[in-house]
Amino acid sequence: MAVAEIIGAAIGTMILLFVAYMLVGNVLTTAEVVSNAQKDLTILSEARLHTDLRITRAIIEGNVINLTVNNTGNEIITDFPHTDVFVNKLDGSGYSVYQYSQTDNVESTWHGSIIKDYIHPGQLDPGESMFVNTFVPGSPPVGFDVKFCTDNGVYASTIVYG
């Protein structure tokens, strides 16, 4: 009988150690995930605080809205596929979203070319400007409310009259 009690106590101790190990492991994993999420959120918030844009020129030529967007912040803007142009015709029809296109003259998209792009080619560095062409389908109205919005939510807006 004494051997059965010793074996039962050993099995009980092993189960208790296993449960404690799993519990501590899960708590440590959860703490690490929360810590990494907070760090990532802090990095994104800091990048958003350092991002600033200005639209310095806006004209309408037919169905094309031409903008000059200047990066006046401290962050490099690189993610053009996730950068959108929102256009609201001033006739009350609401906003339309125009996504980035690598080729020029594609309807319902926008295309950009960076002026004097010497430091980081293909990236909008602080102090650089970019020509943005947005191709709006249909007949051009009197004017547009245009917003150039980066991937981190920072935007510059202007009203353009034709």
Protein backbone atom coordinates (compact mmCIF):
# COMPACT_ATOMS: atom_id res chain seq x y z
CA MET A 1 0.00 0.00 0.00
CA ALA A 2 2.80 2.43 0.79
CA VAL A 3 4.15 2.09 -2.76
CA ALA A 4 0.74 3.07 -4.22
CA GLU A 5 0.66 6.23 -2.11
CA ILE A 6 4.18 7.17 -3.20
CA ILE A 7 3.31 6.59 -6.88
CA GLY A 8 0.06 8.61 -6.51
CA ALA A 9 1.93 11.45 -4.80
CA ALA A 10 4.58 11.43 -7.56
CA ILE A 11 1.93 11.51 -10.31
CA GLY A 12 0.04 14.29 -8.48
CA THR A 13 3.23 16.32 -8.10
CA MET A 14 4.05 15.86 -11.81
CA ILE A 15 0.55 17.02 -12.81
CA LEU A 16 0.80 20.00 -10.46
CA LEU A 17 4.21 20.98 -11.92
CA PHE A 18 2.88 20.58 -15.47
CA VAL A 19 -0.14 22.82 -14.77
CA ALA A 20 2.06 25.41 -13.04
CA TYR A 21 4.50 25.36 -15.98
CA MET A 22 1.66 25.83 -18.49
CA LEU A 23 0.09 28.62 -16.44
CA VAL A 24 3.35 30.53 -16.02
CA GLY A 25 4.23 29.99 -19.69
CA ASN A 26 0.86 31.36 -20.83
CA VAL A 27 1.13 34.37 -18.53
CA LEU A 28 4.62 35.18 -19.83
CA THR A 29 3.52 34.74 -23.45
CA THR A 30 0.52 37.02 -22.91
CA ALA A 31 2.71 39.66 -21.26
CA GLU A 32 5.15 39.53 -24.18
CA VAL A 33 2.34 39.89 -26.77
CA VAL A 34 0.84 42.87 -24.92
CA SER A 35 4.26 44.50 -24.54
CA ASN A 36 5.02 44.10 -28.27
CA ALA A 37 1.60 45.47 -29.21
CA GLN A 38 2.14 48.54 -27.02
CA LYS A 39 5.57 49.07 -28.55
CA ASP A 40 4.18 48.82 -32.10
CA LEU A 41 1.38 51.25 -31.26
CA THR A 42 3.89 53.72 -29.82
CA ILE A 43 6.02 53.50 -32.99
CA LEU A 44 2.96 54.09 -35.21
CA SER A 45 1.79 57.01 -33.08
CA GLU A 46 5.23 58.59 -33.18
CA ALA A 47 5.40 58.21 -36.97
CA ARG A 48 1.99 59.84 -37.26
CA LEU A 49 3.08 62.75 -35.08
CA HIS A 50 6.13 63.33 -37.30
CA THR A 51 4.17 63.19 -40.58
CA ASP A 52 2.96 66.46 -42.07
CA LEU A 53 1.85 67.31 -45.61
CA ARG A 54 0.93 70.49 -47.45
CA ILE A 55 -0.75 70.88 -50.82
CA THR A 56 1.04 73.82 -52.37
CA ARG A 57 -0.58 73.82 -55.82
CA ALA A 58 -3.91 72.52 -57.10
CA ILE A 59 -5.42 72.98 -60.56
CA ILE A 60 -7.96 71.20 -62.76
CA GLU A 61 -7.12 70.41 -66.38
CA GLY A 62 -10.09 68.68 -67.99
CA ASN A 63 -10.71 65.50 -66.01
CA VAL A 64 -7.33 65.62 -64.26
CA ILE A 65 -6.70 67.19 -60.87
CA ASN A 66 -3.04 68.22 -60.60
CA LEU A 67 -1.65 68.65 -57.09
CA THR A 68 1.77 69.42 -55.71
CA VAL A 69 2.13 67.72 -52.32
CA ASN A 70 5.02 68.80 -50.11
CA ASN A 71 6.30 66.61 -47.25
CA THR A 72 6.77 69.17 -44.47
CA GLY A 73 7.16 66.60 -41.68
CA ASN A 74 10.08 64.46 -40.52
CA GLU A 75 8.88 61.05 -41.76
CA ILE A 76 9.67 59.50 -45.13
CA ILE A 77 6.51 58.53 -47.02
CA THR A 78 7.03 55.25 -48.83
CA ASP A 79 3.80 53.25 -48.88
CA PHE A 80 2.10 54.72 -51.94
CA PRO A 81 -0.12 51.67 -52.63
CA HIS A 82 -1.82 52.40 -49.28
CA THR A 83 -1.96 56.16 -49.86
CA ASP A 84 -5.30 57.35 -51.23
CA VAL A 85 -6.73 60.49 -52.76
CA PHE A 86 -10.29 61.31 -51.72
CA VAL A 87 -12.22 63.51 -54.14
CA ASN A 88 -15.57 65.12 -53.37
CA LYS A 89 -17.29 66.86 -56.24
CA LEU A 90 -18.78 70.09 -54.90
CA ASP A 91 -22.17 69.07 -56.30
CA GLY A 92 -22.93 67.05 -53.13
CA SER A 93 -22.33 63.58 -54.61
CA GLY A 94 -19.95 62.53 -51.81
CA TYR A 95 -16.35 61.33 -51.70
CA SER A 96 -14.77 58.93 -54.16
CA VAL A 97 -11.56 57.05 -53.33
CA TYR A 98 -8.74 57.00 -55.87
CA GLN A 99 -5.97 54.45 -55.35
CA TYR A 100 -2.37 54.59 -56.49
CA SER A 101 -1.38 53.43 -59.96
CA GLN A 102 2.22 53.01 -61.10
CA THR A 103 1.27 53.97 -64.65
CA ASP A 104 0.12 57.38 -65.77
CA ASN A 105 -3.27 58.18 -67.40
CA VAL A 106 -5.34 55.44 -65.71
CA GLU A 107 -8.89 56.58 -64.98
CA SER A 108 -10.12 56.54 -61.35
CA THR A 109 -6.57 56.32 -59.96
CA TRP A 110 -3.81 58.70 -58.97
CA HIS A 111 -0.21 58.72 -60.09
CA GLY A 112 2.67 60.63 -58.57
CA SER A 113 6.15 61.67 -59.56
CA ILE A 114 8.62 63.06 -57.02
CA ILE A 115 10.44 66.27 -57.89
CA LYS A 116 14.26 66.17 -57.60
CA ASP A 117 14.24 62.68 -56.04
CA TYR A 118 17.96 62.33 -55.27
CA ILE A 119 18.29 61.03 -51.69
CA HIS A 120 15.95 58.01 -51.54
CA PRO A 121 14.59 57.34 -55.04
CA GLY A 122 10.90 56.43 -55.02
CA GLN A 123 10.32 57.79 -51.51
CA LEU A 124 8.90 61.18 -50.53
CA ASP A 125 11.57 62.47 -48.17
CA PRO A 126 11.09 65.44 -45.82
CA GLY A 127 11.31 68.65 -47.82
CA GLU A 128 10.58 66.97 -51.15
CA SER A 129 7.52 67.59 -53.29
CA MET A 130 5.50 65.28 -55.50
CA PHE A 131 3.29 65.98 -58.52
CA VAL A 132 0.02 64.07 -58.08
CA ASN A 133 -2.34 63.53 -61.03
CA THR A 134 -5.82 62.23 -60.20
CA PHE A 135 -7.94 61.12 -63.15
CA VAL A 136 -11.63 61.77 -62.44
CA PRO A 137 -14.16 60.07 -64.78
CA GLY A 138 -17.17 61.87 -66.18
CA SER A 139 -17.70 65.52 -66.93
CA PRO A 140 -15.66 67.85 -64.75
CA PRO A 141 -17.76 69.84 -62.25
CA VAL A 142 -17.07 73.37 -61.07
CA GLY A 143 -14.80 72.25 -58.25
CA PHE A 144 -13.52 69.51 -55.97
CA ASP A 145 -12.66 69.00 -52.32
CA VAL A 146 -9.45 66.91 -52.48
CA LYS A 147 -7.70 65.04 -49.66
CA PHE A 148 -4.32 63.33 -50.04
CA CYS A 149 -4.20 60.73 -47.25
CA THR A 150 -1.10 58.69 -46.29
CA ASP A 151 -1.09 55.12 -45.00
CA ASN A 152 -0.87 56.30 -41.35
CA GLY A 153 -3.95 58.54 -41.64
CA VAL A 154 -2.30 61.95 -41.98
CA TYR A 155 -3.80 64.01 -44.79
CA ALA A 156 -3.66 67.37 -46.52
CA SER A 157 -6.75 68.85 -48.13
CA THR A 158 -7.69 71.68 -50.43
CA ILE A 159 -10.59 72.89 -52.54
CA VAL A 160 -9.91 73.20 -56.26
CA TYR A 161 -12.02 75.24 -58.65
CA GLY A 162 -11.92 74.71 -62.40
